[in-house]
Amino acid sequence: MKLISMTDFVLEQKIQSYEPEHILKRITNYANFLKQPLKLEMFVPCDEDGNVLEVPNSDNEINNYFDLSFEYHQAKERVLFKGFNTKYFKNFDGLTIEYLVTLNVTLTESAKKQIF
């Protein structure tokens, strides 16, 4: 699923479902999703302090590798948008997810869970 404008999302809901409560809930969820301030961890796996995590490799000692792998997997599950790497990022001050609508961004399963 691609990130789309609020208007397109609303029109899509009318086509897909006839239950007013269900439509209203999805529209509200999407509006709240679009209004979230942008954070680096929405694009790439980051630790709890906002530092970018590298993909763990097997050169680490075995216990450390499993810990790093678990942390990386958890962080990757929090990413909301597919196809980004760290070279794209500068300053997100004042920007919301709504800003990304024009960039043809693909949503991850984690993002879809927030909406639906």
N, C-alpha and C. Protein backbone atom coordinates (compact mmCIF):
# COMPACT_ATOMS: atom_id res chain seq x y z
N MET A 1 0.85 -1.18 0.00
CA MET A 1 0.00 0.00 0.00
C MET A 1 0.89 1.23 0.00
N LYS A 2 0.54 2.19 -0.84
CA LYS A 2 1.25 3.47 -0.91
C LYS A 2 0.60 4.48 0.02
N LEU A 3 1.40 5.40 0.50
CA LEU A 3 0.89 6.53 1.28
C LEU A 3 0.13 7.43 0.31
N ILE A 4 -1.10 7.78 0.67
CA ILE A 4 -1.93 8.60 -0.20
C ILE A 4 -2.48 9.79 0.57
N SER A 5 -3.05 10.73 -0.15
CA SER A 5 -3.62 11.91 0.50
C SER A 5 -4.85 11.51 1.32
N MET A 6 -5.20 12.37 2.24
CA MET A 6 -6.37 12.14 3.08
C MET A 6 -7.64 12.07 2.23
N THR A 7 -7.74 12.94 1.24
CA THR A 7 -8.91 12.94 0.36
C THR A 7 -9.05 11.62 -0.38
N ASP A 8 -7.95 11.14 -0.96
CA ASP A 8 -7.99 9.86 -1.68
C ASP A 8 -8.35 8.72 -0.73
N PHE A 9 -7.81 8.76 0.48
CA PHE A 9 -8.10 7.72 1.45
C PHE A 9 -9.59 7.70 1.78
N VAL A 10 -10.18 8.87 2.02
CA VAL A 10 -11.60 8.96 2.35
C VAL A 10 -12.44 8.41 1.21
N LEU A 11 -12.14 8.79 -0.01
CA LEU A 11 -12.91 8.31 -1.16
C LEU A 11 -12.77 6.80 -1.33
N GLU A 12 -11.61 6.28 -1.05
CA GLU A 12 -11.38 4.83 -1.13
C GLU A 12 -12.23 4.08 -0.11
N GLN A 13 -12.42 4.65 1.06
CA GLN A 13 -13.19 3.99 2.13
C GLN A 13 -14.65 3.86 1.73
N LYS A 14 -15.18 4.84 1.08
CA LYS A 14 -16.58 4.78 0.67
C LYS A 14 -16.81 3.64 -0.31
N ILE A 15 -15.84 3.39 -1.14
CA ILE A 15 -15.94 2.32 -2.13
C ILE A 15 -15.82 0.95 -1.46
N GLN A 16 -14.97 0.82 -0.46
CA GLN A 16 -14.64 -0.49 0.10
C GLN A 16 -15.60 -1.00 1.16
N SER A 17 -16.31 -0.13 1.82
CA SER A 17 -17.11 -0.58 2.97
C SER A 17 -18.36 0.28 3.11
N TYR A 18 -19.41 -0.35 3.61
CA TYR A 18 -20.66 0.37 3.83
C TYR A 18 -20.99 0.56 5.31
N GLU A 19 -20.12 0.12 6.20
CA GLU A 19 -20.38 0.26 7.63
C GLU A 19 -19.85 1.62 8.10
N PRO A 20 -20.73 2.55 8.43
CA PRO A 20 -20.28 3.91 8.80
C PRO A 20 -19.29 3.95 9.97
N GLU A 21 -19.50 3.13 10.99
CA GLU A 21 -18.59 3.14 12.14
C GLU A 21 -17.19 2.68 11.73
N HIS A 22 -17.15 1.67 10.90
CA HIS A 22 -15.87 1.14 10.41
C HIS A 22 -15.15 2.18 9.55
N ILE A 23 -15.90 2.83 8.68
CA ILE A 23 -15.32 3.87 7.81
C ILE A 23 -14.77 5.01 8.65
N LEU A 24 -15.55 5.47 9.61
CA LEU A 24 -15.13 6.60 10.45
C LEU A 24 -13.88 6.25 11.24
N LYS A 25 -13.80 5.03 11.77
CA LYS A 25 -12.62 4.63 12.54
C LYS A 25 -11.37 4.62 11.66
N ARG A 26 -11.47 4.07 10.46
CA ARG A 26 -10.32 4.03 9.55
C ARG A 26 -9.90 5.43 9.13
N ILE A 27 -10.86 6.29 8.86
CA ILE A 27 -10.55 7.67 8.47
C ILE A 27 -9.85 8.40 9.62
N THR A 28 -10.35 8.23 10.82
CA THR A 28 -9.73 8.85 12.00
C THR A 28 -8.32 8.32 12.20
N ASN A 29 -8.14 7.01 12.10
CA ASN A 29 -6.81 6.41 12.25
C ASN A 29 -5.84 6.95 11.20
N TYR A 30 -6.29 7.07 9.97
CA TYR A 30 -5.42 7.57 8.91
C TYR A 30 -5.06 9.04 9.15
N ALA A 31 -6.03 9.84 9.56
CA ALA A 31 -5.76 11.25 9.85
C ALA A 31 -4.72 11.38 10.96
N ASN A 32 -4.87 10.59 12.02
CA ASN A 32 -3.90 10.61 13.11
C ASN A 32 -2.53 10.12 12.64
N PHE A 33 -2.52 9.11 11.78
CA PHE A 33 -1.27 8.60 11.22
C PHE A 33 -0.55 9.70 10.44
N LEU A 34 -1.27 10.42 9.58
CA LEU A 34 -0.66 11.47 8.77
C LEU A 34 -0.11 12.62 9.61
N LYS A 35 -0.72 12.88 10.76
CA LYS A 35 -0.32 14.02 11.58
C LYS A 35 0.89 13.73 12.49
N GLN A 36 1.36 12.49 12.53
CA GLN A 36 2.51 12.16 13.38
C GLN A 36 3.76 12.92 12.91
N PRO A 37 4.53 13.45 13.85
CA PRO A 37 5.80 14.08 13.46
C PRO A 37 6.78 13.02 12.96
N LEU A 38 7.55 13.38 11.94
CA LEU A 38 8.53 12.45 11.38
C LEU A 38 9.68 12.21 12.35
N LYS A 39 10.11 10.95 12.41
CA LYS A 39 11.25 10.53 13.23
C LYS A 39 12.08 9.57 12.41
N LEU A 40 13.37 9.55 12.65
CA LEU A 40 14.28 8.69 11.90
C LEU A 40 13.87 7.22 11.97
N GLU A 41 13.40 6.77 13.14
CA GLU A 41 13.04 5.36 13.31
C GLU A 41 11.81 4.94 12.48
N MET A 42 11.14 5.88 11.86
CA MET A 42 10.04 5.54 10.94
C MET A 42 10.58 5.04 9.60
N PHE A 43 11.85 5.31 9.34
CA PHE A 43 12.46 5.00 8.05
C PHE A 43 13.52 3.90 8.09
N VAL A 44 14.30 3.88 9.18
CA VAL A 44 15.38 2.89 9.32
C VAL A 44 15.39 2.38 10.76
N PRO A 45 15.85 1.15 10.99
CA PRO A 45 15.89 0.61 12.35
C PRO A 45 16.82 1.45 13.25
N CYS A 46 16.28 1.85 14.40
CA CYS A 46 17.05 2.65 15.37
C CYS A 46 16.86 2.06 16.76
N ASP A 47 17.85 2.31 17.64
CA ASP A 47 17.71 1.87 19.02
C ASP A 47 16.80 2.86 19.77
N GLU A 48 16.60 2.63 21.06
CA GLU A 48 15.69 3.47 21.84
C GLU A 48 16.16 4.92 21.97
N ASP A 49 17.46 5.16 21.73
CA ASP A 49 18.00 6.52 21.80
C ASP A 49 17.99 7.21 20.45
N GLY A 50 17.45 6.54 19.42
CA GLY A 50 17.38 7.13 18.09
C GLY A 50 18.62 6.94 17.24
N ASN A 51 19.54 6.08 17.69
CA ASN A 51 20.74 5.80 16.90
C ASN A 51 20.45 4.71 15.88
N VAL A 52 20.93 4.90 14.65
CA VAL A 52 20.70 3.92 13.58
C VAL A 52 21.42 2.63 13.92
N LEU A 53 20.71 1.51 13.75
CA LEU A 53 21.29 0.19 14.00
C LEU A 53 21.77 -0.43 12.69
N GLU A 54 22.94 -1.01 12.72
CA GLU A 54 23.46 -1.74 11.57
C GLU A 54 22.97 -3.18 11.64
N VAL A 55 22.88 -3.82 10.48
CA VAL A 55 22.50 -5.23 10.45
C VAL A 55 23.60 -6.02 11.15
N PRO A 56 23.27 -6.82 12.18
CA PRO A 56 24.28 -7.59 12.89
C PRO A 56 24.91 -8.63 11.96
N ASN A 57 26.18 -8.89 12.18
CA ASN A 57 26.82 -9.94 11.38
C ASN A 57 27.40 -11.01 12.29
N SER A 58 27.70 -12.14 11.74
CA SER A 58 28.13 -13.29 12.53
C SER A 58 29.56 -13.16 13.05
N ASP A 59 30.24 -12.05 12.75
CA ASP A 59 31.58 -11.83 13.29
C ASP A 59 31.54 -11.50 14.79
N ASN A 60 30.38 -11.05 15.27
CA ASN A 60 30.23 -10.78 16.70
C ASN A 60 30.25 -12.08 17.47
N GLU A 61 30.67 -12.02 18.75
CA GLU A 61 30.60 -13.26 19.53
C GLU A 61 29.15 -13.69 19.65
N ILE A 62 28.93 -14.97 19.82
CA ILE A 62 27.61 -15.59 19.66
C ILE A 62 26.52 -14.96 20.52
N ASN A 63 26.76 -14.74 21.81
CA ASN A 63 25.73 -14.14 22.68
C ASN A 63 25.41 -12.72 22.25
N ASN A 64 26.44 -11.96 21.94
CA ASN A 64 26.25 -10.58 21.50
C ASN A 64 25.51 -10.54 20.17
N TYR A 65 25.81 -11.47 19.29
CA TYR A 65 25.14 -11.54 17.99
C TYR A 65 23.63 -11.75 18.16
N PHE A 66 23.23 -12.66 19.05
CA PHE A 66 21.80 -12.90 19.27
C PHE A 66 21.12 -11.68 19.88
N ASP A 67 21.79 -11.01 20.82
CA ASP A 67 21.22 -9.79 21.40
C ASP A 67 21.06 -8.70 20.35
N LEU A 68 22.10 -8.52 19.54
CA LEU A 68 22.05 -7.49 18.49
C LEU A 68 20.99 -7.83 17.44
N SER A 69 20.89 -9.10 17.11
CA SER A 69 19.89 -9.53 16.12
C SER A 69 18.48 -9.28 16.63
N PHE A 70 18.25 -9.58 17.91
CA PHE A 70 16.93 -9.36 18.50
C PHE A 70 16.60 -7.88 18.50
N GLU A 71 17.54 -7.04 18.95
CA GLU A 71 17.33 -5.59 18.99
C GLU A 71 17.06 -5.05 17.57
N TYR A 72 17.84 -5.51 16.60
CA TYR A 72 17.66 -5.05 15.23
C TYR A 72 16.28 -5.46 14.68
N HIS A 73 15.89 -6.71 14.94
CA HIS A 73 14.60 -7.19 14.46
C HIS A 73 13.45 -6.38 15.07
N GLN A 74 13.53 -6.12 16.36
CA GLN A 74 12.49 -5.31 17.03
C GLN A 74 12.42 -3.91 16.41
N ALA A 75 13.58 -3.31 16.17
CA ALA A 75 13.63 -1.96 15.60
C ALA A 75 13.10 -1.96 14.17
N LYS A 76 13.40 -3.00 13.43
CA LYS A 76 12.93 -3.09 12.04
C LYS A 76 11.40 -3.20 12.00
N GLU A 77 10.82 -3.84 13.00
CA GLU A 77 9.35 -3.96 13.08
C GLU A 77 8.68 -2.61 13.31
N ARG A 78 9.40 -1.64 13.85
CA ARG A 78 8.83 -0.32 14.12
C ARG A 78 8.92 0.62 12.90
N VAL A 79 9.68 0.24 11.89
CA VAL A 79 9.83 1.07 10.69
C VAL A 79 8.49 1.13 9.96
N LEU A 80 8.11 2.32 9.51
CA LEU A 80 6.80 2.52 8.89
C LEU A 80 6.86 2.63 7.36
N PHE A 81 8.02 2.97 6.82
CA PHE A 81 8.14 3.21 5.38
C PHE A 81 9.25 2.38 4.77
N LYS A 82 8.97 1.78 3.62
CA LYS A 82 9.93 0.90 2.94
C LYS A 82 10.85 1.69 2.01
N GLY A 83 12.07 1.14 1.86
CA GLY A 83 12.96 1.63 0.82
C GLY A 83 13.85 2.80 1.16
N PHE A 84 14.05 3.11 2.40
CA PHE A 84 14.90 4.24 2.77
C PHE A 84 16.20 3.74 3.39
N ASN A 85 17.24 4.55 3.26
CA ASN A 85 18.47 4.32 4.01
C ASN A 85 18.93 5.65 4.57
N THR A 86 19.96 5.65 5.37
CA THR A 86 20.33 6.83 6.14
C THR A 86 20.78 8.02 5.31
N LYS A 87 21.16 7.85 4.05
CA LYS A 87 21.64 8.99 3.27
C LYS A 87 20.54 10.00 2.93
N TYR A 88 19.27 9.64 3.12
CA TYR A 88 18.16 10.53 2.79
C TYR A 88 17.82 11.54 3.88
N PHE A 89 18.39 11.42 5.05
CA PHE A 89 17.84 12.14 6.20
C PHE A 89 18.66 13.34 6.63
N LYS A 90 17.92 14.40 6.90
CA LYS A 90 18.54 15.61 7.42
C LYS A 90 17.76 16.02 8.67
N ASN A 91 16.91 17.02 8.53
CA ASN A 91 16.19 17.56 9.68
C ASN A 91 14.68 17.42 9.46
N PHE A 92 13.99 16.84 10.43
CA PHE A 92 12.55 16.62 10.33
C PHE A 92 11.73 17.67 11.08
N ASP A 93 12.39 18.68 11.64
CA ASP A 93 11.68 19.65 12.47
C ASP A 93 10.43 20.19 11.79
N GLY A 94 9.29 20.01 12.45
CA GLY A 94 8.02 20.54 11.98
C GLY A 94 7.35 19.74 10.88
N LEU A 95 7.99 18.69 10.39
CA LEU A 95 7.40 17.89 9.31
C LEU A 95 6.58 16.74 9.88
N THR A 96 5.50 16.40 9.18
CA THR A 96 4.66 15.28 9.57
C THR A 96 4.66 14.25 8.44
N ILE A 97 4.09 13.10 8.71
CA ILE A 97 3.98 12.05 7.70
C ILE A 97 3.25 12.58 6.47
N GLU A 98 2.32 13.50 6.67
CA GLU A 98 1.56 14.08 5.57
C GLU A 98 2.48 14.67 4.50
N TYR A 99 3.64 15.16 4.89
CA TYR A 99 4.64 15.71 3.98
C TYR A 99 5.08 14.68 2.94
N LEU A 100 5.09 13.40 3.30
CA LEU A 100 5.60 12.33 2.44
C LEU A 100 4.62 11.88 1.35
N VAL A 101 3.40 12.35 1.39
CA VAL A 101 2.37 11.88 0.46
C VAL A 101 2.83 12.02 -1.00
N THR A 102 3.51 13.08 -1.33
CA THR A 102 3.92 13.31 -2.72
C THR A 102 5.14 12.50 -3.14
N LEU A 103 5.75 11.77 -2.23
CA LEU A 103 7.00 11.06 -2.53
C LEU A 103 6.80 9.61 -2.96
N ASN A 104 5.56 9.17 -3.11
CA ASN A 104 5.27 7.80 -3.55
C ASN A 104 5.88 6.76 -2.60
N VAL A 105 5.64 6.93 -1.33
CA VAL A 105 6.21 6.09 -0.27
C VAL A 105 5.34 4.85 -0.05
N THR A 106 5.98 3.70 0.16
CA THR A 106 5.28 2.46 0.44
C THR A 106 5.25 2.22 1.94
N LEU A 107 4.09 1.82 2.45
CA LEU A 107 3.92 1.56 3.88
C LEU A 107 4.33 0.13 4.22
N THR A 108 4.88 -0.05 5.43
CA THR A 108 5.19 -1.38 5.94
C THR A 108 3.96 -1.95 6.64
N GLU A 109 4.05 -3.20 7.03
CA GLU A 109 2.95 -3.82 7.78
C GLU A 109 2.71 -3.08 9.10
N SER A 110 3.77 -2.58 9.74
CA SER A 110 3.62 -1.84 11.00
C SER A 110 2.77 -0.58 10.78
N ALA A 111 3.00 0.10 9.68
CA ALA A 111 2.20 1.30 9.38
C ALA A 111 0.75 0.93 9.13
N LYS A 112 0.53 -0.14 8.39
CA LYS A 112 -0.84 -0.57 8.10
C LYS A 112 -1.59 -0.93 9.37
N LYS A 113 -0.90 -1.49 10.37
CA LYS A 113 -1.54 -1.84 11.64
C LYS A 113 -2.02 -0.58 12.36
N GLN A 114 -1.29 0.52 12.23
CA GLN A 114 -1.72 1.76 12.87
C GLN A 114 -2.98 2.33 12.23
N ILE A 115 -3.16 2.06 10.95
CA ILE A 115 -4.29 2.62 10.21
C ILE A 115 -5.53 1.74 10.30
N PHE A 116 -5.34 0.45 10.08
CA PHE A 116 -6.47 -0.47 9.99
C PHE A 116 -6.64 -1.18 11.30
